[in-house]
Amino acid sequence: HNKDWLGQIQGASKMVLFPRTTAHVSEVLKYCHSDRIAVVPQGGNTGLVYGSVPLFDEVIISMTKHRLTLPEGVSVGGTEADQQLAGSMQFNSQTNSCLCSASVILEDFQKFAASKDRIAPLDMGSRGSCTIGGNLATNA
């Protein structure tokens, strides 16, 4: 987590956090903000612009284990695989949109979109390892 994808930049962070829910992310950011602790968010850490590498002793917030939290009263039926997928991506046919967690790998998102007869308009060479959260964070 302290090195960029090419191994050219070395960070100095002593802590990596892996929040699993949006509430966890919020709690971490509130704490860091109140104590004036710098943070660096990371997705798949595949970027080539060094945006996810800590420069000093920032806390790294890795989004690789983040999952969606279903709203209260909403349940997902089906197999365990269906339930796990619902924790990462949900498709809404009424709005023709997809809600996904920051940890979703771009290639998985593309396959999910294809399974709904849709396309994901973003593509890049690191599609098998870059995350949607990282894509958004770096405007990829």
N, C-alpha and C. Protein backbone atom coordinates (compact mmCIF):
# COMPACT_ATOMS: atom_id res chain seq x y z
N HIS A 1 0.82 -1.21 0.00
CA HIS A 1 0.00 0.00 0.00
C HIS A 1 0.85 1.27 0.00
N ASN A 2 2.11 1.14 0.36
CA ASN A 2 3.00 2.29 0.39
C ASN A 2 3.77 2.49 -0.91
N LYS A 3 3.54 1.64 -1.90
CA LYS A 3 4.22 1.78 -3.19
C LYS A 3 3.20 1.95 -4.29
N ASP A 4 3.59 2.68 -5.32
CA ASP A 4 2.74 2.81 -6.49
C ASP A 4 2.79 1.51 -7.30
N TRP A 5 1.94 1.43 -8.30
CA TRP A 5 1.80 0.21 -9.10
C TRP A 5 3.11 -0.18 -9.79
N LEU A 6 3.90 0.81 -10.21
CA LEU A 6 5.16 0.53 -10.90
C LEU A 6 6.34 0.36 -9.95
N GLY A 7 6.10 0.59 -8.65
CA GLY A 7 7.16 0.44 -7.67
C GLY A 7 8.17 1.58 -7.68
N GLN A 8 7.78 2.74 -8.19
CA GLN A 8 8.70 3.87 -8.30
C GLN A 8 8.62 4.84 -7.13
N ILE A 9 7.46 4.93 -6.48
CA ILE A 9 7.26 5.87 -5.39
C ILE A 9 7.04 5.08 -4.10
N GLN A 10 7.73 5.47 -3.04
CA GLN A 10 7.62 4.80 -1.74
C GLN A 10 6.98 5.75 -0.73
N GLY A 11 5.87 5.34 -0.14
CA GLY A 11 5.21 6.11 0.90
C GLY A 11 5.74 5.75 2.27
N ALA A 12 5.20 6.43 3.30
CA ALA A 12 5.69 6.20 4.67
C ALA A 12 4.55 5.96 5.66
N SER A 13 3.38 5.57 5.17
CA SER A 13 2.26 5.34 6.08
C SER A 13 2.53 4.13 6.97
N LYS A 14 2.07 4.23 8.19
CA LYS A 14 2.22 3.13 9.14
C LYS A 14 0.89 2.43 9.39
N MET A 15 -0.18 2.90 8.72
CA MET A 15 -1.50 2.34 8.98
C MET A 15 -2.34 2.25 7.71
N VAL A 16 -2.94 1.08 7.51
CA VAL A 16 -3.90 0.87 6.43
C VAL A 16 -5.19 0.38 7.05
N LEU A 17 -6.29 1.05 6.74
CA LEU A 17 -7.61 0.64 7.25
C LEU A 17 -8.42 0.08 6.10
N PHE A 18 -9.26 -0.91 6.39
CA PHE A 18 -10.08 -1.57 5.39
C PHE A 18 -11.55 -1.50 5.80
N PRO A 19 -12.18 -0.33 5.69
CA PRO A 19 -13.59 -0.23 6.08
C PRO A 19 -14.47 -1.08 5.17
N ARG A 20 -15.45 -1.73 5.77
CA ARG A 20 -16.32 -2.62 5.00
C ARG A 20 -17.64 -1.97 4.61
N THR A 21 -18.02 -0.91 5.29
CA THR A 21 -19.29 -0.25 4.97
C THR A 21 -19.08 1.25 4.85
N THR A 22 -20.05 1.91 4.27
CA THR A 22 -20.01 3.36 4.15
C THR A 22 -20.01 4.01 5.53
N ALA A 23 -20.73 3.40 6.48
CA ALA A 23 -20.73 3.92 7.85
C ALA A 23 -19.33 3.85 8.46
N HIS A 24 -18.60 2.78 8.18
CA HIS A 24 -17.23 2.67 8.68
C HIS A 24 -16.35 3.76 8.07
N VAL A 25 -16.49 3.99 6.77
CA VAL A 25 -15.72 5.05 6.11
C VAL A 25 -16.01 6.39 6.78
N SER A 26 -17.29 6.65 7.02
CA SER A 26 -17.70 7.91 7.64
C SER A 26 -17.09 8.07 9.03
N GLU A 27 -17.11 6.99 9.83
CA GLU A 27 -16.54 7.05 11.18
C GLU A 27 -15.04 7.34 11.13
N VAL A 28 -14.34 6.68 10.23
CA VAL A 28 -12.90 6.90 10.10
C VAL A 28 -12.61 8.34 9.70
N LEU A 29 -13.35 8.84 8.72
CA LEU A 29 -13.11 10.21 8.25
C LEU A 29 -13.46 11.24 9.32
N LYS A 30 -14.52 11.01 10.08
CA LYS A 30 -14.86 11.93 11.17
C LYS A 30 -13.74 11.97 12.21
N TYR A 31 -13.24 10.81 12.58
CA TYR A 31 -12.17 10.75 13.57
C TYR A 31 -10.91 11.45 13.05
N CYS A 32 -10.52 11.11 11.84
CA CYS A 32 -9.31 11.71 11.26
C CYS A 32 -9.46 13.23 11.13
N HIS A 33 -10.64 13.67 10.72
CA HIS A 33 -10.87 15.11 10.58
C HIS A 33 -10.77 15.81 11.94
N SER A 34 -11.39 15.22 12.96
CA SER A 34 -11.40 15.87 14.28
C SER A 34 -9.99 15.94 14.88
N ASP A 35 -9.14 14.96 14.55
CA ASP A 35 -7.77 14.95 15.08
C ASP A 35 -6.75 15.46 14.06
N ARG A 36 -7.26 16.00 12.94
CA ARG A 36 -6.42 16.58 11.89
C ARG A 36 -5.38 15.57 11.37
N ILE A 37 -5.84 14.35 11.14
CA ILE A 37 -5.00 13.29 10.59
C ILE A 37 -5.26 13.20 9.09
N ALA A 38 -4.21 13.27 8.31
CA ALA A 38 -4.35 13.20 6.85
C ALA A 38 -4.66 11.77 6.41
N VAL A 39 -5.46 11.63 5.37
CA VAL A 39 -5.82 10.32 4.83
C VAL A 39 -5.54 10.27 3.33
N VAL A 40 -5.31 9.06 2.85
CA VAL A 40 -5.15 8.81 1.43
C VAL A 40 -6.06 7.64 1.08
N PRO A 41 -7.08 7.87 0.24
CA PRO A 41 -7.93 6.74 -0.18
C PRO A 41 -7.24 5.93 -1.27
N GLN A 42 -7.45 4.63 -1.24
CA GLN A 42 -6.92 3.76 -2.28
C GLN A 42 -7.99 2.84 -2.81
N GLY A 43 -7.97 2.63 -4.12
CA GLY A 43 -8.82 1.64 -4.76
C GLY A 43 -7.96 0.40 -5.01
N GLY A 44 -7.73 0.09 -6.28
CA GLY A 44 -6.88 -1.04 -6.62
C GLY A 44 -5.40 -0.70 -6.63
N ASN A 45 -5.08 0.57 -6.42
CA ASN A 45 -3.70 1.07 -6.40
C ASN A 45 -2.99 0.80 -7.72
N THR A 46 -3.72 0.91 -8.82
CA THR A 46 -3.16 0.66 -10.14
C THR A 46 -2.87 1.94 -10.91
N GLY A 47 -3.14 3.09 -10.31
CA GLY A 47 -2.97 4.36 -11.01
C GLY A 47 -1.52 4.67 -11.34
N LEU A 48 -1.34 5.46 -12.37
CA LEU A 48 0.00 5.85 -12.80
C LEU A 48 0.29 7.31 -12.51
N VAL A 49 -0.55 7.96 -11.69
CA VAL A 49 -0.36 9.37 -11.38
C VAL A 49 0.02 9.59 -9.92
N TYR A 50 0.25 8.52 -9.17
CA TYR A 50 0.73 8.55 -7.79
C TYR A 50 -0.27 9.17 -6.82
N GLY A 51 -1.53 9.25 -7.19
CA GLY A 51 -2.53 9.87 -6.34
C GLY A 51 -2.90 9.05 -5.12
N SER A 52 -2.63 7.76 -5.12
CA SER A 52 -3.02 6.93 -3.97
C SER A 52 -1.84 6.54 -3.10
N VAL A 53 -0.68 7.09 -3.36
CA VAL A 53 0.50 6.78 -2.55
C VAL A 53 0.69 7.88 -1.49
N PRO A 54 0.78 7.50 -0.22
CA PRO A 54 0.98 8.51 0.82
C PRO A 54 2.35 9.15 0.68
N LEU A 55 2.39 10.46 0.85
CA LEU A 55 3.66 11.18 0.76
C LEU A 55 4.40 11.17 2.09
N PHE A 56 3.62 11.20 3.18
CA PHE A 56 4.21 11.29 4.51
C PHE A 56 3.68 10.14 5.35
N ASP A 57 3.01 10.46 6.46
CA ASP A 57 2.51 9.42 7.36
C ASP A 57 0.98 9.36 7.37
N GLU A 58 0.35 9.68 6.25
CA GLU A 58 -1.10 9.64 6.17
C GLU A 58 -1.64 8.24 6.46
N VAL A 59 -2.88 8.18 6.92
CA VAL A 59 -3.58 6.91 7.08
C VAL A 59 -4.14 6.52 5.72
N ILE A 60 -3.85 5.29 5.29
CA ILE A 60 -4.39 4.79 4.02
C ILE A 60 -5.75 4.17 4.29
N ILE A 61 -6.75 4.59 3.52
CA ILE A 61 -8.07 3.98 3.61
C ILE A 61 -8.26 3.17 2.33
N SER A 62 -8.07 1.86 2.45
CA SER A 62 -8.21 0.97 1.31
C SER A 62 -9.69 0.59 1.17
N MET A 63 -10.22 0.78 -0.03
CA MET A 63 -11.63 0.48 -0.26
C MET A 63 -11.84 -0.93 -0.82
N THR A 64 -10.82 -1.78 -0.76
CA THR A 64 -10.90 -3.10 -1.38
C THR A 64 -11.88 -4.05 -0.69
N LYS A 65 -12.27 -3.78 0.54
CA LYS A 65 -13.22 -4.65 1.24
C LYS A 65 -14.59 -4.00 1.43
N HIS A 66 -14.76 -2.81 0.86
CA HIS A 66 -16.02 -2.07 1.00
C HIS A 66 -17.15 -2.81 0.26
N ARG A 67 -18.31 -2.86 0.89
CA ARG A 67 -19.49 -3.47 0.29
C ARG A 67 -20.67 -2.55 0.50
N LEU A 68 -21.65 -2.68 -0.35
CA LEU A 68 -22.88 -1.91 -0.21
C LEU A 68 -23.65 -2.39 1.00
N THR A 69 -24.38 -1.50 1.61
CA THR A 69 -25.29 -1.85 2.69
C THR A 69 -26.70 -1.64 2.16
N LEU A 70 -27.47 -2.71 2.14
CA LEU A 70 -28.83 -2.60 1.64
C LEU A 70 -29.67 -1.77 2.60
N PRO A 71 -30.58 -0.97 2.07
CA PRO A 71 -31.46 -0.17 2.93
C PRO A 71 -32.29 -1.06 3.84
N GLU A 72 -32.68 -0.55 4.99
CA GLU A 72 -33.48 -1.30 5.94
C GLU A 72 -34.77 -1.77 5.27
N GLY A 73 -35.10 -3.04 5.48
CA GLY A 73 -36.32 -3.60 4.91
C GLY A 73 -36.12 -4.23 3.55
N VAL A 74 -34.96 -4.04 2.94
CA VAL A 74 -34.69 -4.63 1.62
C VAL A 74 -33.90 -5.91 1.83
N SER A 75 -34.38 -6.98 1.24
CA SER A 75 -33.67 -8.25 1.35
C SER A 75 -33.37 -8.77 -0.04
N VAL A 76 -32.36 -9.60 -0.11
CA VAL A 76 -31.95 -10.19 -1.38
C VAL A 76 -32.16 -11.69 -1.27
N GLY A 77 -32.94 -12.24 -2.18
CA GLY A 77 -33.16 -13.68 -2.19
C GLY A 77 -32.13 -14.35 -3.06
N GLY A 78 -32.40 -15.59 -3.40
CA GLY A 78 -31.51 -16.31 -4.32
C GLY A 78 -30.40 -17.02 -3.60
N THR A 79 -29.40 -17.39 -4.39
CA THR A 79 -28.28 -18.16 -3.88
C THR A 79 -27.32 -17.27 -3.10
N GLU A 80 -26.36 -17.91 -2.46
CA GLU A 80 -25.34 -17.15 -1.72
C GLU A 80 -24.55 -16.25 -2.68
N ALA A 81 -24.30 -16.74 -3.89
CA ALA A 81 -23.60 -15.93 -4.89
C ALA A 81 -24.41 -14.69 -5.26
N ASP A 82 -25.75 -14.84 -5.38
CA ASP A 82 -26.61 -13.70 -5.66
C ASP A 82 -26.54 -12.68 -4.53
N GLN A 83 -26.53 -13.17 -3.30
CA GLN A 83 -26.49 -12.29 -2.14
C GLN A 83 -25.15 -11.56 -2.06
N GLN A 84 -24.05 -12.28 -2.38
CA GLN A 84 -22.73 -11.65 -2.37
C GLN A 84 -22.64 -10.59 -3.46
N LEU A 85 -23.16 -10.88 -4.64
CA LEU A 85 -23.14 -9.92 -5.74
C LEU A 85 -23.96 -8.69 -5.37
N ALA A 86 -25.09 -8.88 -4.69
CA ALA A 86 -25.92 -7.75 -4.27
C ALA A 86 -25.18 -6.86 -3.29
N GLY A 87 -24.19 -7.41 -2.59
CA GLY A 87 -23.37 -6.61 -1.68
C GLY A 87 -22.35 -5.77 -2.41
N SER A 88 -22.20 -5.99 -3.70
CA SER A 88 -21.23 -5.24 -4.50
C SER A 88 -21.89 -4.39 -5.57
N MET A 89 -22.92 -4.95 -6.24
CA MET A 89 -23.56 -4.25 -7.35
C MET A 89 -25.06 -4.51 -7.37
N GLN A 90 -25.81 -3.48 -7.69
CA GLN A 90 -27.27 -3.60 -7.83
C GLN A 90 -27.68 -2.84 -9.09
N PHE A 91 -28.54 -3.45 -9.88
CA PHE A 91 -29.03 -2.81 -11.10
C PHE A 91 -30.49 -2.40 -10.90
N ASN A 92 -30.82 -1.19 -11.32
CA ASN A 92 -32.19 -0.69 -11.24
C ASN A 92 -32.70 -0.51 -12.66
N SER A 93 -33.62 -1.38 -13.07
CA SER A 93 -34.12 -1.32 -14.45
C SER A 93 -35.03 -0.11 -14.69
N GLN A 94 -35.62 0.43 -13.64
CA GLN A 94 -36.49 1.60 -13.80
C GLN A 94 -35.68 2.86 -14.14
N THR A 95 -34.51 2.99 -13.53
CA THR A 95 -33.68 4.16 -13.79
C THR A 95 -32.52 3.86 -14.74
N ASN A 96 -32.41 2.57 -15.13
CA ASN A 96 -31.34 2.14 -16.03
C ASN A 96 -29.97 2.51 -15.46
N SER A 97 -29.81 2.25 -14.15
CA SER A 97 -28.57 2.61 -13.48
C SER A 97 -28.07 1.46 -12.62
N CYS A 98 -26.81 1.54 -12.27
CA CYS A 98 -26.19 0.53 -11.42
C CYS A 98 -25.57 1.22 -10.21
N LEU A 99 -25.78 0.64 -9.06
CA LEU A 99 -25.15 1.11 -7.83
C LEU A 99 -24.10 0.06 -7.47
N CYS A 100 -22.87 0.50 -7.27
CA CYS A 100 -21.84 -0.47 -6.93
C CYS A 100 -20.92 0.09 -5.86
N SER A 101 -20.25 -0.80 -5.15
CA SER A 101 -19.32 -0.37 -4.12
C SER A 101 -18.01 0.06 -4.76
N ALA A 102 -17.24 0.81 -4.02
CA ALA A 102 -15.96 1.32 -4.52
C ALA A 102 -14.98 0.20 -4.82
N SER A 103 -15.17 -0.96 -4.19
CA SER A 103 -14.22 -2.06 -4.34
C SER A 103 -14.44 -2.91 -5.59
N VAL A 104 -15.48 -2.63 -6.35
CA VAL A 104 -15.78 -3.44 -7.53
C VAL A 104 -14.70 -3.26 -8.60
N ILE A 105 -14.19 -4.37 -9.09
CA ILE A 105 -13.20 -4.36 -10.16
C ILE A 105 -13.90 -3.97 -11.47
N LEU A 106 -13.27 -3.11 -12.26
CA LEU A 106 -13.88 -2.62 -13.49
C LEU A 106 -14.34 -3.76 -14.39
N GLU A 107 -13.54 -4.78 -14.56
CA GLU A 107 -13.91 -5.90 -15.44
C GLU A 107 -15.15 -6.62 -14.92
N ASP A 108 -15.28 -6.75 -13.60
CA ASP A 108 -16.48 -7.36 -13.02
C ASP A 108 -17.70 -6.48 -13.29
N PHE A 109 -17.51 -5.17 -13.20
CA PHE A 109 -18.60 -4.24 -13.50
C PHE A 109 -19.02 -4.36 -14.96
N GLN A 110 -18.05 -4.48 -15.87
CA GLN A 110 -18.36 -4.64 -17.29
C GLN A 110 -19.16 -5.92 -17.53
N LYS A 111 -18.77 -7.01 -16.89
CA LYS A 111 -19.49 -8.28 -17.04
C LYS A 111 -20.90 -8.18 -16.45
N PHE A 112 -21.02 -7.50 -15.31
CA PHE A 112 -22.33 -7.31 -14.70
C PHE A 112 -23.23 -6.51 -15.63
N ALA A 113 -22.70 -5.44 -16.21
CA ALA A 113 -23.47 -4.62 -17.15
C ALA A 113 -23.90 -5.47 -18.36
N ALA A 114 -22.99 -6.28 -18.87
CA ALA A 114 -23.31 -7.14 -20.02
C ALA A 114 -24.41 -8.14 -19.67
N SER A 115 -24.42 -8.63 -18.41
CA SER A 115 -25.45 -9.59 -18.00
C SER A 115 -26.83 -8.93 -17.95
N LYS A 116 -26.85 -7.61 -17.93
CA LYS A 116 -28.11 -6.84 -17.93
C LYS A 116 -28.37 -6.23 -19.30
N ASP A 117 -27.66 -6.73 -20.32
CA ASP A 117 -27.75 -6.21 -21.69
C ASP A 117 -27.42 -4.73 -21.77
N ARG A 118 -26.42 -4.33 -21.01
CA ARG A 118 -25.93 -2.95 -21.00
C ARG A 118 -24.42 -2.97 -21.23
N ILE A 119 -23.85 -1.79 -21.44
CA ILE A 119 -22.40 -1.70 -21.55
C ILE A 119 -21.87 -0.74 -20.48
N ALA A 120 -20.65 -0.97 -20.07
CA ALA A 120 -19.96 -0.04 -19.19
C ALA A 120 -19.04 0.77 -20.10
N PRO A 121 -19.26 2.08 -20.21
CA PRO A 121 -18.53 2.86 -21.20
C PRO A 121 -17.06 3.12 -20.88
N LEU A 122 -16.58 2.67 -19.75
CA LEU A 122 -15.20 2.90 -19.36
C LEU A 122 -14.40 1.62 -19.60
N ASP A 123 -13.21 1.76 -20.19
CA ASP A 123 -12.34 0.60 -20.39
C ASP A 123 -10.89 1.06 -20.36
N MET A 124 -10.04 0.24 -19.81
CA MET A 124 -8.61 0.54 -19.77
C MET A 124 -7.83 -0.75 -19.58
N GLY A 125 -6.55 -0.69 -19.79
CA GLY A 125 -5.70 -1.87 -19.71
C GLY A 125 -5.71 -2.55 -18.35
N SER A 126 -5.92 -1.79 -17.30
CA SER A 126 -5.91 -2.37 -15.94
C SER A 126 -7.29 -2.83 -15.50
N ARG A 127 -8.19 -3.07 -16.47
CA ARG A 127 -9.59 -3.41 -16.16
C ARG A 127 -9.72 -4.59 -15.20
N GLY A 128 -8.76 -5.50 -15.20
CA GLY A 128 -8.83 -6.69 -14.34
C GLY A 128 -8.40 -6.45 -12.91
N SER A 129 -7.87 -5.27 -12.61
CA SER A 129 -7.42 -5.00 -11.24
C SER A 129 -7.81 -3.62 -10.71
N CYS A 130 -8.14 -2.67 -11.58
CA CYS A 130 -8.52 -1.35 -11.09
C CYS A 130 -9.95 -1.39 -10.54
N THR A 131 -10.23 -0.53 -9.59
CA THR A 131 -11.56 -0.52 -8.98
C THR A 131 -12.36 0.70 -9.41
N ILE A 132 -13.67 0.58 -9.30
CA ILE A 132 -14.56 1.69 -9.64
C ILE A 132 -14.25 2.90 -8.74
N GLY A 133 -14.02 2.66 -7.47
CA GLY A 133 -13.68 3.75 -6.56
C GLY A 133 -12.41 4.48 -6.98
N GLY A 134 -11.41 3.72 -7.39
CA GLY A 134 -10.17 4.32 -7.86
C GLY A 134 -10.36 5.08 -9.16
N ASN A 135 -11.20 4.53 -10.05
CA ASN A 135 -11.50 5.21 -11.30
C ASN A 135 -12.13 6.56 -11.03
N LEU A 136 -13.07 6.60 -10.11
CA LEU A 136 -13.74 7.86 -9.78
C LEU A 136 -12.79 8.83 -9.06
N ALA A 137 -11.99 8.30 -8.14
CA ALA A 137 -11.10 9.15 -7.36
C ALA A 137 -10.05 9.84 -8.22
N THR A 138 -9.65 9.19 -9.32
CA THR A 138 -8.60 9.75 -10.17
C THR A 138 -9.14 10.29 -11.49
N ASN A 139 -10.48 10.28 -11.62
CA ASN A 139 -11.11 10.76 -12.85
C ASN A 139 -10.60 9.99 -14.07
N ALA A 140 -10.43 8.68 -13.90
CA ALA A 140 -9.90 7.84 -14.98
C ALA A 140 -10.91 7.66 -16.08
